[in-house]
Amino acid sequence: MTSSHHAELVLSDEEKDLLRKEGIQLPSHLPLTREEEKILRSVRRRIRNKVGSCGSSLSFRLCDVHLFDIVYIIKKSKKLSTFKKWS
């Protein structure tokens, strides 16, 4: 069986960038060796972790913003209630 019968290895732009930064070059067609599969799994795991951490930090920041809004509203309502008592 020649290499032309093997499926092409399709990588995302982010996977290509990470591999290029590390100086790793994978073949353009499957099958991959065990070592190449291990490298590819590692790259994909790092991308997943990066995406996951961005999502959690974003939701944390959104929670911070909402908390700030709630505190602001409470302070504003206390000032209004104090103002109403004096009038």
Protein backbone atom coordinates (compact mmCIF):
# COMPACT_ATOMS: atom_id res chain seq x y z
CA MET A 1 0.00 0.00 0.00
CA THR A 2 1.51 3.35 -0.99
CA SER A 3 1.23 6.61 0.90
CA SER A 4 -1.21 7.96 -1.70
CA HIS A 5 -3.85 5.54 -0.33
CA HIS A 6 -3.61 6.94 3.20
CA ALA A 7 -5.87 9.68 4.47
CA GLU A 8 -4.55 13.20 4.71
CA LEU A 9 -3.75 14.59 8.16
CA VAL A 10 -5.91 17.69 8.71
CA LEU A 11 -4.69 20.16 11.34
CA SER A 12 -6.30 23.37 12.50
CA ASP A 13 -4.40 26.65 12.16
CA GLU A 14 -3.86 26.73 15.90
CA GLU A 15 -2.42 23.19 15.88
CA LYS A 16 -0.11 24.12 13.01
CA ASP A 17 1.05 27.25 14.84
CA LEU A 18 1.83 25.36 18.06
CA LEU A 19 3.70 22.64 16.19
CA ARG A 20 5.67 25.23 14.22
CA LYS A 21 6.58 27.14 17.42
CA GLU A 22 7.94 23.93 18.93
CA GLY A 23 9.82 23.06 15.76
CA ILE A 24 7.87 19.85 15.23
CA GLN A 25 6.87 18.71 11.77
CA LEU A 26 4.29 15.97 11.31
CA PRO A 27 3.76 14.04 8.08
CA SER A 28 0.92 15.20 5.83
CA HIS A 29 -0.68 11.76 5.63
CA LEU A 30 -1.81 9.13 8.10
CA PRO A 31 -0.88 6.79 9.74
CA LEU A 32 1.18 8.51 12.40
CA THR A 33 3.74 6.75 14.54
CA ARG A 34 3.02 6.37 18.25
CA GLU A 35 5.39 9.21 19.05
CA GLU A 36 3.72 11.50 16.48
CA GLU A 37 0.27 10.60 17.87
CA LYS A 38 1.50 11.41 21.37
CA ILE A 39 2.77 14.82 20.22
CA LEU A 40 -0.50 15.58 18.45
CA ARG A 41 -2.56 14.57 21.50
CA SER A 42 -0.40 16.82 23.66
CA VAL A 43 -0.89 19.79 21.32
CA ARG A 44 -4.65 19.24 21.16
CA ARG A 45 -4.84 18.92 24.97
CA ARG A 46 -3.00 22.22 25.42
CA ILE A 47 -5.42 23.93 23.02
CA ARG A 48 -8.42 22.48 24.89
CA ASN A 49 -6.97 23.58 28.23
CA LYS A 50 -6.28 27.06 26.90
CA VAL A 51 -9.83 27.38 25.58
CA GLY A 52 -11.23 26.02 28.86
CA SER A 53 -9.20 28.39 30.99
CA CYS A 54 -10.23 31.36 28.87
CA GLY A 55 -13.86 30.42 29.33
CA SER A 56 -13.59 30.10 33.10
CA SER A 57 -11.69 33.36 33.50
CA LEU A 58 -14.25 35.10 31.29
CA SER A 59 -17.14 33.82 33.37
CA PHE A 60 -15.25 34.82 36.51
CA ARG A 61 -14.83 38.34 35.12
CA LEU A 62 -18.51 38.45 34.19
CA CYS A 63 -19.42 37.37 37.72
CA ASP A 64 -17.19 40.13 39.07
CA VAL A 65 -18.95 42.69 36.90
CA HIS A 66 -22.38 41.46 37.99
CA LEU A 67 -21.31 41.49 41.63
CA PHE A 68 -20.05 45.03 41.22
CA ASP A 69 -23.40 46.03 39.67
CA ILE A 70 -25.33 44.43 42.52
CA VAL A 71 -23.20 46.17 45.17
CA TYR A 72 -23.64 49.48 43.34
CA ILE A 73 -27.43 49.03 43.21
CA ILE A 74 -27.60 48.15 46.92
CA LYS A 75 -25.54 51.19 47.87
CA LYS A 76 -27.70 53.38 45.65
CA SER A 77 -30.91 52.02 47.19
CA LYS A 78 -29.54 52.58 50.73
CA LYS A 79 -28.76 56.18 49.86
CA LEU A 80 -32.24 56.63 48.47
CA SER A 81 -33.87 55.10 51.54
CA THR A 82 -31.75 57.33 53.80
CA PHE A 83 -32.72 60.33 51.70
CA LYS A 84 -36.43 59.43 51.95
CA LYS A 85 -36.19 59.18 55.75
CA TRP A 86 -34.91 62.74 55.96
CA SER A 87 -37.52 64.25 53.65
